Each structure stands twice: as C-alpha cells, then as structure tokens.
Amino acid sequence: AVEWLIEKPVPNNGGAGAFLDVGLGKTSCVLEAFKRLKEA
C-alpha cells in the first residue's frame, strides 16, 4: 500500500486514497508514504 501511494502518478498535485478494511493500518501507511515523499 505504501509503495502504491508513493508511485501513484498524481498529475497537478492530485491525490490518492487508501482503501483498506478497518484496523488494517491505513493511517500508518499514509504517514509512511508521506514521510518518504517529504524526505525525497
């Protein structure tokens, strides 16, 4: 999920969504993707 969020092409500063079931760690996945994008 993290890799998908990072690699997802988002033209014009678009967005991406994380659609996992309740309790599967969507928040942490998005935080990790953001952290990596920020570091890059």
PDB file of all heavy atoms in Angstrom:
ATOM      1  N   ALA A   1       0.833  -1.206   0.000  1.00  0.00           N
ATOM      2  CA  ALA A   1       0.000   0.000   0.000  1.00  0.00           C
ATOM      3  C   ALA A   1       0.870   1.259   0.000  1.00  0.00           C
ATOM      4  O   ALA A   1       0.595   2.211  -0.737  1.00  0.00           O
ATOM      5  CB  ALA A   1      -0.928  -0.003   1.210  1.00  0.00           C
ATOM      6  N   VAL A   2       1.940   1.267   0.802  1.00  0.00           N
ATOM      7  CA  VAL A   2       2.844   2.414   0.856  1.00  0.00           C
ATOM      8  C   VAL A   2       3.479   2.645  -0.509  1.00  0.00           C
ATOM      9  O   VAL A   2       3.507   3.778  -1.014  1.00  0.00           O
ATOM     10  CB  VAL A   2       3.929   2.225   1.944  1.00  0.00           C
ATOM     11  CG1 VAL A   2       5.020   3.283   1.827  1.00  0.00           C
ATOM     12  CG2 VAL A   2       3.306   2.234   3.329  1.00  0.00           C
ATOM     13  N   GLU A   3       3.987   1.589  -1.121  1.00  0.00           N
ATOM     14  CA  GLU A   3       4.605   1.724  -2.447  1.00  0.00           C
ATOM     15  C   GLU A   3       3.602   2.231  -3.474  1.00  0.00           C
ATOM     16  O   GLU A   3       3.934   3.064  -4.315  1.00  0.00           O
ATOM     17  CB  GLU A   3       5.214   0.395  -2.899  1.00  0.00           C
ATOM     18  CG  GLU A   3       6.395  -0.048  -2.063  1.00  0.00           C
ATOM     19  CD  GLU A   3       7.506   0.987  -1.992  1.00  0.00           C
ATOM     20  OE1 GLU A   3       7.820   1.626  -3.013  1.00  0.00           O
ATOM     21  OE2 GLU A   3       8.065   1.155  -0.887  1.00  0.00           O
ATOM     22  N   TRP A   4       2.365   1.741  -3.414  1.00  0.00           N
ATOM     23  CA  TRP A   4       1.328   2.196  -4.345  1.00  0.00           C
ATOM     24  C   TRP A   4       1.081   3.693  -4.167  1.00  0.00           C
ATOM     25  O   TRP A   4       0.999   4.431  -5.146  1.00  0.00           O
ATOM     26  CB  TRP A   4       0.029   1.410  -4.142  1.00  0.00           C
ATOM     27  CG  TRP A   4      -1.031   1.805  -5.111  1.00  0.00           C
ATOM     28  CD1 TRP A   4      -1.219   1.312  -6.370  1.00  0.00           C
ATOM     29  CD2 TRP A   4      -2.048   2.786  -4.925  1.00  0.00           C
ATOM     30  NE1 TRP A   4      -2.291   1.927  -6.970  1.00  0.00           N
ATOM     31  CE2 TRP A   4      -2.815   2.839  -6.097  1.00  0.00           C
ATOM     32  CE3 TRP A   4      -2.383   3.629  -3.867  1.00  0.00           C
ATOM     33  CZ2 TRP A   4      -3.891   3.706  -6.258  1.00  0.00           C
ATOM     34  CZ3 TRP A   4      -3.458   4.487  -4.018  1.00  0.00           C
ATOM     35  CH2 TRP A   4      -4.189   4.510  -5.200  1.00  0.00           C
ATOM     36  N   LEU A   5       0.979   4.141  -2.915  1.00  0.00           N
ATOM     37  CA  LEU A   5       0.743   5.562  -2.653  1.00  0.00           C
ATOM     38  C   LEU A   5       1.904   6.417  -3.150  1.00  0.00           C
ATOM     39  O   LEU A   5       1.698   7.511  -3.673  1.00  0.00           O
ATOM     40  CB  LEU A   5       0.526   5.794  -1.157  1.00  0.00           C
ATOM     41  CG  LEU A   5      -0.790   5.283  -0.589  1.00  0.00           C
ATOM     42  CD1 LEU A   5      -0.747   5.278   0.940  1.00  0.00           C
ATOM     43  CD2 LEU A   5      -1.968   6.109  -1.084  1.00  0.00           C
ATOM     44  N   ILE A   6       3.123   5.926  -3.004  1.00  0.00           N
ATOM     45  CA  ILE A   6       4.296   6.679  -3.438  1.00  0.00           C
ATOM     46  C   ILE A   6       4.403   6.721  -4.960  1.00  0.00           C
ATOM     47  O   ILE A   6       4.707   7.759  -5.546  1.00  0.00           O
ATOM     48  CB  ILE A   6       5.582   6.074  -2.832  1.00  0.00           C
ATOM     49  CG1 ILE A   6       5.613   6.335  -1.330  1.00  0.00           C
ATOM     50  CG2 ILE A   6       6.835   6.632  -3.508  1.00  0.00           C
ATOM     51  CD1 ILE A   6       6.712   5.597  -0.607  1.00  0.00           C
ATOM     52  N   GLU A   7       4.141   5.605  -5.604  1.00  0.00           N
ATOM     53  CA  GLU A   7       4.332   5.507  -7.052  1.00  0.00           C
ATOM     54  C   GLU A   7       3.130   5.969  -7.854  1.00  0.00           C
ATOM     55  O   GLU A   7       3.234   6.162  -9.057  1.00  0.00           O
ATOM     56  CB  GLU A   7       4.680   4.067  -7.421  1.00  0.00           C
ATOM     57  CG  GLU A   7       6.015   3.634  -6.839  1.00  0.00           C
ATOM     58  CD  GLU A   7       6.287   2.158  -7.002  1.00  0.00           C
ATOM     59  OE1 GLU A   7       5.484   1.460  -7.648  1.00  0.00           O
ATOM     60  OE2 GLU A   7       7.308   1.702  -6.465  1.00  0.00           O
ATOM     61  N   LYS A   8       1.991   6.156  -7.218  1.00  0.00           N
ATOM     62  CA  LYS A   8       0.766   6.559  -7.924  1.00  0.00           C
ATOM     63  C   LYS A   8       1.005   7.887  -8.620  1.00  0.00           C
ATOM     64  O   LYS A   8       1.347   8.876  -7.974  1.00  0.00           O
ATOM     65  CB  LYS A   8      -0.380   6.695  -6.912  1.00  0.00           C
ATOM     66  CG  LYS A   8      -1.677   7.156  -7.481  1.00  0.00           C
ATOM     67  CD  LYS A   8      -2.492   5.975  -7.926  1.00  0.00           C
ATOM     68  CE  LYS A   8      -3.868   6.421  -8.370  1.00  0.00           C
ATOM     69  NZ  LYS A   8      -4.030   6.327  -9.791  1.00  0.00           N
ATOM     70  N   PRO A   9       0.854   7.922  -9.944  1.00  0.00           N
ATOM     71  CA  PRO A   9       1.028   9.204 -10.634  1.00  0.00           C
ATOM     72  C   PRO A   9      -0.133  10.138 -10.283  1.00  0.00           C
ATOM     73  O   PRO A   9      -1.290   9.775 -10.415  1.00  0.00           O
ATOM     74  CB  PRO A   9       1.015   8.829 -12.117  1.00  0.00           C
ATOM     75  CG  PRO A   9       0.314   7.518 -12.175  1.00  0.00           C
ATOM     76  CD  PRO A   9       0.532   6.838 -10.845  1.00  0.00           C
ATOM     77  N   VAL A  10       0.216  11.290  -9.769  1.00  0.00           N
ATOM     78  CA  VAL A  10      -0.808  12.260  -9.394  1.00  0.00           C
ATOM     79  C   VAL A  10      -0.541  13.584 -10.097  1.00  0.00           C
ATOM     80  O   VAL A  10       0.167  14.438  -9.593  1.00  0.00           O
ATOM     81  CB  VAL A  10      -0.877  12.453  -7.860  1.00  0.00           C
ATOM     82  CG1 VAL A  10      -1.578  11.295  -7.199  1.00  0.00           C
ATOM     83  CG2 VAL A  10       0.499  12.606  -7.257  1.00  0.00           C
ATOM     84  N   PRO A  11      -1.112  13.745 -11.298  1.00  0.00           N
ATOM     85  CA  PRO A  11      -0.874  14.991 -12.039  1.00  0.00           C
ATOM     86  C   PRO A  11      -1.486  16.185 -11.317  1.00  0.00           C
ATOM     87  O   PRO A  11      -2.492  16.068 -10.633  1.00  0.00           O
ATOM     88  CB  PRO A  11      -1.568  14.729 -13.375  1.00  0.00           C
ATOM     89  CG  PRO A  11      -2.600  13.701 -13.086  1.00  0.00           C
ATOM     90  CD  PRO A  11      -2.039  12.859 -11.967  1.00  0.00           C
ATOM     91  N   ASN A  12      -0.865  17.320 -11.474  1.00  0.00           N
ATOM     92  CA  ASN A  12      -1.365  18.576 -10.910  1.00  0.00           C
ATOM     93  C   ASN A  12      -1.579  18.499  -9.396  1.00  0.00           C
ATOM     94  O   ASN A  12      -2.571  18.993  -8.864  1.00  0.00           O
ATOM     95  CB  ASN A  12      -2.672  18.997 -11.605  1.00  0.00           C
ATOM     96  CG  ASN A  12      -2.486  19.138 -13.102  1.00  0.00           C
ATOM     97  OD1 ASN A  12      -1.477  19.664 -13.542  1.00  0.00           O
ATOM     98  ND2 ASN A  12      -3.435  18.665 -13.866  1.00  0.00           N
ATOM     99  N   ASN A  13      -0.661  17.853  -8.704  1.00  0.00           N
ATOM    100  CA  ASN A  13      -0.768  17.722  -7.244  1.00  0.00           C
ATOM    101  C   ASN A  13      -2.095  17.119  -6.823  1.00  0.00           C
ATOM    102  O   ASN A  13      -2.720  17.552  -5.874  1.00  0.00           O
ATOM    103  CB  ASN A  13      -0.555  19.075  -6.556  1.00  0.00           C
ATOM    104  CG  ASN A  13       0.850  19.581  -6.744  1.00  0.00           C
ATOM    105  OD1 ASN A  13       1.796  18.823  -6.713  1.00  0.00           O
ATOM    106  ND2 ASN A  13       0.981  20.868  -6.960  1.00  0.00           N
ATOM    107  N   GLY A  14      -2.522  16.113  -7.539  1.00  0.00           N
ATOM    108  CA  GLY A  14      -3.777  15.429  -7.242  1.00  0.00           C
ATOM    109  C   GLY A  14      -3.682  14.670  -5.943  1.00  0.00           C
ATOM    110  O   GLY A  14      -2.977  15.053  -5.031  1.00  0.00           O
ATOM    111  N   GLY A  15      -4.349  13.570  -5.863  1.00  0.00           N
ATOM    112  CA  GLY A  15      -4.336  12.834  -4.616  1.00  0.00           C
ATOM    113  C   GLY A  15      -4.457  11.345  -4.844  1.00  0.00           C
ATOM    114  O   GLY A  15      -4.581  10.873  -5.969  1.00  0.00           O
ATOM    115  N   ALA A  16      -4.415  10.634  -3.762  1.00  0.00           N
ATOM    116  CA  ALA A  16      -4.552   9.183  -3.807  1.00  0.00           C
ATOM    117  C   ALA A  16      -5.332   8.773  -2.565  1.00  0.00           C
ATOM    118  O   ALA A  16      -5.366   9.491  -1.576  1.00  0.00           O
ATOM    119  CB  ALA A  16      -3.179   8.512  -3.813  1.00  0.00           C
ATOM    120  N   GLY A  17      -5.948   7.638  -2.637  1.00  0.00           N
ATOM    121  CA  GLY A  17      -6.716   7.150  -1.495  1.00  0.00           C
ATOM    122  C   GLY A  17      -6.222   5.783  -1.056  1.00  0.00           C
ATOM    123  O   GLY A  17      -5.728   5.004  -1.859  1.00  0.00           O
ATOM    124  N   ALA A  18      -6.354   5.532   0.229  1.00  0.00           N
ATOM    125  CA  ALA A  18      -6.006   4.227   0.784  1.00  0.00           C
ATOM    126  C   ALA A  18      -7.306   3.589   1.271  1.00  0.00           C
ATOM    127  O   ALA A  18      -7.922   4.081   2.209  1.00  0.00           O
ATOM    128  CB  ALA A  18      -5.021   4.385   1.933  1.00  0.00           C
ATOM    129  N   PHE A  19      -7.713   2.538   0.618  1.00  0.00           N
ATOM    130  CA  PHE A  19      -8.976   1.887   0.949  1.00  0.00           C
ATOM    131  C   PHE A  19      -8.719   0.468   1.430  1.00  0.00           C
ATOM    132  O   PHE A  19      -8.757  -0.483   0.677  1.00  0.00           O
ATOM    133  CB  PHE A  19      -9.907   1.894  -0.272  1.00  0.00           C
ATOM    134  CG  PHE A  19     -10.244   3.284  -0.742  1.00  0.00           C
ATOM    135  CD1 PHE A  19      -9.545   3.862  -1.785  1.00  0.00           C
ATOM    136  CD2 PHE A  19     -11.234   4.013  -0.104  1.00  0.00           C
ATOM    137  CE1 PHE A  19      -9.838   5.151  -2.209  1.00  0.00           C
ATOM    138  CE2 PHE A  19     -11.534   5.301  -0.518  1.00  0.00           C
ATOM    139  CZ  PHE A  19     -10.828   5.876  -1.575  1.00  0.00           C
ATOM    140  N   LEU A  20      -8.414   0.356   2.711  1.00  0.00           N
ATOM    141  CA  LEU A  20      -8.220  -0.930   3.369  1.00  0.00           C
ATOM    142  C   LEU A  20      -9.324  -1.069   4.401  1.00  0.00           C
ATOM    143  O   LEU A  20      -9.907  -0.084   4.841  1.00  0.00           O
ATOM    144  CB  LEU A  20      -6.854  -0.993   4.055  1.00  0.00           C
ATOM    145  CG  LEU A  20      -5.619  -0.877   3.166  1.00  0.00           C
ATOM    146  CD1 LEU A  20      -4.367  -0.722   4.016  1.00  0.00           C
ATOM    147  CD2 LEU A  20      -5.503  -2.087   2.280  1.00  0.00           C
ATOM    148  N   ASP A  21      -9.586  -2.280   4.828  1.00  0.00           N
ATOM    149  CA  ASP A  21     -10.603  -2.502   5.845  1.00  0.00           C
ATOM    150  C   ASP A  21     -10.215  -1.847   7.169  1.00  0.00           C
ATOM    151  O   ASP A  21      -9.045  -1.537   7.411  1.00  0.00           O
ATOM    152  CB  ASP A  21     -10.840  -3.998   6.066  1.00  0.00           C
ATOM    153  CG  ASP A  21     -11.636  -4.640   4.932  1.00  0.00           C
ATOM    154  OD1 ASP A  21     -12.359  -3.917   4.225  1.00  0.00           O
ATOM    155  OD2 ASP A  21     -11.516  -5.867   4.761  1.00  0.00           O
ATOM    156  N   VAL A  22     -11.193  -1.667   8.030  1.00  0.00           N
ATOM    157  CA  VAL A  22     -10.992  -1.079   9.353  1.00  0.00           C
ATOM    158  C   VAL A  22      -9.930  -1.866  10.122  1.00  0.00           C
ATOM    159  O   VAL A  22      -9.947  -3.094  10.147  1.00  0.00           O
ATOM    160  CB  VAL A  22     -12.326  -1.081  10.134  1.00  0.00           C
ATOM    161  CG1 VAL A  22     -12.114  -0.608  11.563  1.00  0.00           C
ATOM    162  CG2 VAL A  22     -13.358  -0.223   9.437  1.00  0.00           C
ATOM    163  N   GLY A  23      -8.989  -1.150  10.711  1.00  0.00           N
ATOM    164  CA  GLY A  23      -7.979  -1.768  11.550  1.00  0.00           C
ATOM    165  C   GLY A  23      -6.766  -2.336  10.843  1.00  0.00           C
ATOM    166  O   GLY A  23      -5.906  -2.950  11.476  1.00  0.00           O
ATOM    167  N   LEU A  24      -6.664  -2.137   9.526  1.00  0.00           N
ATOM    168  CA  LEU A  24      -5.532  -2.706   8.790  1.00  0.00           C
ATOM    169  C   LEU A  24      -4.363  -1.731   8.603  1.00  0.00           C
ATOM    170  O   LEU A  24      -3.396  -2.055   7.934  1.00  0.00           O
ATOM    171  CB  LEU A  24      -5.998  -3.234   7.428  1.00  0.00           C
ATOM    172  CG  LEU A  24      -6.900  -4.455   7.485  1.00  0.00           C
ATOM    173  CD1 LEU A  24      -7.273  -4.913   6.076  1.00  0.00           C
ATOM    174  CD2 LEU A  24      -6.240  -5.601   8.247  1.00  0.00           C
ATOM    175  N   GLY A  25      -4.446  -0.550   9.206  1.00  0.00           N
ATOM    176  CA  GLY A  25      -3.296   0.344   9.208  1.00  0.00           C
ATOM    177  C   GLY A  25      -3.236   1.373   8.109  1.00  0.00           C
ATOM    178  O   GLY A  25      -2.143   1.743   7.685  1.00  0.00           O
ATOM    179  N   LYS A  26      -4.381   1.858   7.666  1.00  0.00           N
ATOM    180  CA  LYS A  26      -4.384   2.891   6.627  1.00  0.00           C
ATOM    181  C   LYS A  26      -3.608   4.131   7.065  1.00  0.00           C
ATOM    182  O   LYS A  26      -2.812   4.678   6.306  1.00  0.00           O
ATOM    183  CB  LYS A  26      -5.819   3.300   6.274  1.00  0.00           C
ATOM    184  CG  LYS A  26      -6.621   2.264   5.548  1.00  0.00           C
ATOM    185  CD  LYS A  26      -8.034   2.740   5.272  1.00  0.00           C
ATOM    186  CE  LYS A  26      -8.885   2.880   6.500  1.00  0.00           C
ATOM    187  NZ  LYS A  26      -9.182   1.650   7.220  1.00  0.00           N
ATOM    188  N   THR A  27      -3.850   4.560   8.297  1.00  0.00           N
ATOM    189  CA  THR A  27      -3.213   5.784   8.786  1.00  0.00           C
ATOM    190  C   THR A  27      -1.690   5.648   8.749  1.00  0.00           C
ATOM    191  O   THR A  27      -1.000   6.526   8.231  1.00  0.00           O
ATOM    192  CB  THR A  27      -3.689   6.106  10.215  1.00  0.00           C
ATOM    193  OG1 THR A  27      -5.119   6.224  10.207  1.00  0.00           O
ATOM    194  CG2 THR A  27      -3.079   7.392  10.727  1.00  0.00           C
ATOM    195  N   SER A  28      -1.172   4.563   9.252  1.00  0.00           N
ATOM    196  CA  SER A  28       0.286   4.358   9.262  1.00  0.00           C
ATOM    197  C   SER A  28       0.845   4.256   7.846  1.00  0.00           C
ATOM    198  O   SER A  28       1.936   4.763   7.578  1.00  0.00           O
ATOM    199  CB  SER A  28       0.635   3.104  10.054  1.00  0.00           C
ATOM    200  OG  SER A  28       0.227   3.246  11.388  1.00  0.00           O
ATOM    201  N   CYS A  29       0.116   3.622   6.960  1.00  0.00           N
ATOM    202  CA  CYS A  29       0.571   3.513   5.565  1.00  0.00           C
ATOM    203  C   CYS A  29       0.675   4.898   4.932  1.00  0.00           C
ATOM    204  O   CYS A  29       1.665   5.207   4.259  1.00  0.00           O
ATOM    205  CB  CYS A  29      -0.394   2.652   4.749  1.00  0.00           C
ATOM    206  SG  CYS A  29      -0.360   0.903   5.148  1.00  0.00           S
ATOM    207  N   VAL A  30      -0.328   5.720   5.148  1.00  0.00           N
ATOM    208  CA  VAL A  30      -0.319   7.071   4.579  1.00  0.00           C
ATOM    209  C   VAL A  30       0.791   7.907   5.221  1.00  0.00           C
ATOM    210  O   VAL A  30       1.482   8.654   4.525  1.00  0.00           O
ATOM    211  CB  VAL A  30      -1.702   7.740   4.735  1.00  0.00           C
ATOM    212  CG1 VAL A  30      -1.659   9.190   4.316  1.00  0.00           C
ATOM    213  CG2 VAL A  30      -2.745   6.992   3.910  1.00  0.00           C
ATOM    214  N   LEU A  31       0.964   7.780   6.523  1.00  0.00           N
ATOM    215  CA  LEU A  31       2.051   8.507   7.185  1.00  0.00           C
ATOM    216  C   LEU A  31       3.414   8.092   6.642  1.00  0.00           C
ATOM    217  O   LEU A  31       4.284   8.942   6.412  1.00  0.00           O
ATOM    218  CB  LEU A  31       1.995   8.276   8.696  1.00  0.00           C
ATOM    219  CG  LEU A  31       0.876   9.015   9.435  1.00  0.00           C
ATOM    220  CD1 LEU A  31       0.722   8.473  10.848  1.00  0.00           C
ATOM    221  CD2 LEU A  31       1.140  10.511   9.447  1.00  0.00           C
ATOM    222  N   GLU A  32       3.626   6.805   6.439  1.00  0.00           N
ATOM    223  CA  GLU A  32       4.907   6.330   5.888  1.00  0.00           C
ATOM    224  C   GLU A  32       5.118   6.842   4.473  1.00  0.00           C
ATOM    225  O   GLU A  32       6.219   7.289   4.123  1.00  0.00           O
ATOM    226  CB  GLU A  32       4.975   4.806   5.928  1.00  0.00           C
ATOM    227  CG  GLU A  32       6.253   4.223   5.369  1.00  0.00           C
ATOM    228  CD  GLU A  32       7.503   4.559   6.161  1.00  0.00           C
ATOM    229  OE1 GLU A  32       7.414   4.952   7.340  1.00  0.00           O
ATOM    230  OE2 GLU A  32       8.605   4.416   5.585  1.00  0.00           O
ATOM    231  N   ALA A  33       4.075   6.789   3.651  1.00  0.00           N
ATOM    232  CA  ALA A  33       4.197   7.290   2.274  1.00  0.00           C
ATOM    233  C   ALA A  33       4.523   8.778   2.287  1.00  0.00           C
ATOM    234  O   ALA A  33       5.417   9.231   1.562  1.00  0.00           O
ATOM    235  CB  ALA A  33       2.906   7.022   1.504  1.00  0.00           C
ATOM    236  N   PHE A  34       3.834   9.531   3.125  1.00  0.00           N
ATOM    237  CA  PHE A  34       4.096  10.972   3.211  1.00  0.00           C
ATOM    238  C   PHE A  34       5.517  11.245   3.694  1.00  0.00           C
ATOM    239  O   PHE A  34       6.222  12.088   3.145  1.00  0.00           O
ATOM    240  CB  PHE A  34       3.093  11.653   4.140  1.00  0.00           C
ATOM    241  CG  PHE A  34       3.408  13.094   4.381  1.00  0.00           C
ATOM    242  CD1 PHE A  34       3.333  14.016   3.345  1.00  0.00           C
ATOM    243  CD2 PHE A  34       3.804  13.536   5.630  1.00  0.00           C
ATOM    244  CE1 PHE A  34       3.644  15.351   3.555  1.00  0.00           C
ATOM    245  CE2 PHE A  34       4.119  14.867   5.859  1.00  0.00           C
ATOM    246  CZ  PHE A  34       4.029  15.778   4.816  1.00  0.00           C
ATOM    247  N   LYS A  35       5.947  10.527   4.719  1.00  0.00           N
ATOM    248  CA  LYS A  35       7.305  10.707   5.248  1.00  0.00           C
ATOM    249  C   LYS A  35       8.340  10.494   4.145  1.00  0.00           C
ATOM    250  O   LYS A  35       9.266  11.285   3.981  1.00  0.00           O
ATOM    251  CB  LYS A  35       7.547   9.741   6.410  1.00  0.00           C
ATOM    252  CG  LYS A  35       8.902   9.915   7.077  1.00  0.00           C
ATOM    253  CD  LYS A  35       9.136   8.864   8.128  1.00  0.00           C
ATOM    254  CE  LYS A  35       9.573   7.618   7.431  1.00  0.00           C
ATOM    255  NZ  LYS A  35      10.515   6.762   8.059  1.00  0.00           N
ATOM    256  N   ARG A  36       8.174   9.444   3.378  1.00  0.00           N
ATOM    257  CA  ARG A  36       9.133   9.152   2.295  1.00  0.00           C
ATOM    258  C   ARG A  36       9.076  10.222   1.197  1.00  0.00           C
ATOM    259  O   ARG A  36      10.126  10.632   0.673  1.00  0.00           O
ATOM    260  CB  ARG A  36       8.845   7.781   1.693  1.00  0.00           C
ATOM    261  CG  ARG A  36       9.188   6.647   2.617  1.00  0.00           C
ATOM    262  CD  ARG A  36       9.143   5.348   1.864  1.00  0.00           C
ATOM    263  NE  ARG A  36       8.979   4.198   2.722  1.00  0.00           N
ATOM    264  CZ  ARG A  36       8.788   2.981   2.277  1.00  0.00           C
ATOM    265  NH1 ARG A  36       8.714   2.732   0.981  1.00  0.00           N
ATOM    266  NH2 ARG A  36       8.655   1.977   3.123  1.00  0.00           N
ATOM    267  N   LEU A  37       7.870  10.645   0.835  1.00  0.00           N
ATOM    268  CA  LEU A  37       7.745  11.687  -0.189  1.00  0.00           C
ATOM    269  C   LEU A  37       8.357  12.993   0.299  1.00  0.00           C
ATOM    270  O   LEU A  37       9.012  13.705  -0.464  1.00  0.00           O
ATOM    271  CB  LEU A  37       6.273  11.886  -0.566  1.00  0.00           C
ATOM    272  CG  LEU A  37       5.651  10.748  -1.370  1.00  0.00           C
ATOM    273  CD1 LEU A  37       4.136  10.907  -1.438  1.00  0.00           C
ATOM    274  CD2 LEU A  37       6.250  10.687  -2.772  1.00  0.00           C
ATOM    275  N   LYS A  38       8.169  13.291   1.561  1.00  0.00           N
ATOM    276  CA  LYS A  38       8.739  14.506   2.141  1.00  0.00           C
ATOM    277  C   LYS A  38      10.265  14.430   2.140  1.00  0.00           C
ATOM    278  O   LYS A  38      10.940  15.390   1.777  1.00  0.00           O
ATOM    279  CB  LYS A  38       8.194  14.697   3.559  1.00  0.00           C
ATOM    280  CG  LYS A  38       8.522  16.025   4.164  1.00  0.00           C
ATOM    281  CD  LYS A  38       7.816  16.202   5.495  1.00  0.00           C
ATOM    282  CE  LYS A  38       8.174  17.553   6.068  1.00  0.00           C
ATOM    283  NZ  LYS A  38       7.546  17.799   7.343  1.00  0.00           N
ATOM    284  N   GLU A  39      10.804  13.286   2.552  1.00  0.00           N
ATOM    285  CA  GLU A  39      12.262  13.100   2.563  1.00  0.00           C
ATOM    286  C   GLU A  39      12.860  13.208   1.170  1.00  0.00           C
ATOM    287  O   GLU A  39      13.989  13.653   1.008  1.00  0.00           O
ATOM    288  CB  GLU A  39      12.619  11.752   3.181  1.00  0.00           C
ATOM    289  CG  GLU A  39      12.388  11.686   4.678  1.00  0.00           C
ATOM    290  CD  GLU A  39      12.491  10.274   5.258  1.00  0.00           C
ATOM    291  OE1 GLU A  39      12.593   9.303   4.474  1.00  0.00           O
ATOM    292  OE2 GLU A  39      12.448  10.148   6.493  1.00  0.00           O
ATOM    293  N   ALA A  40      12.098  12.804   0.159  1.00  0.00           N
ATOM    294  CA  ALA A  40      12.564  12.858  -1.230  1.00  0.00           C
ATOM    295  C   ALA A  40      12.345  14.236  -1.859  1.00  0.00           C
ATOM    296  O   ALA A  40      12.680  14.448  -3.021  1.00  0.00           O
ATOM    297  CB  ALA A  40      11.852  11.795  -2.058  1.00  0.00           C
TER     298      ALA A  40
END
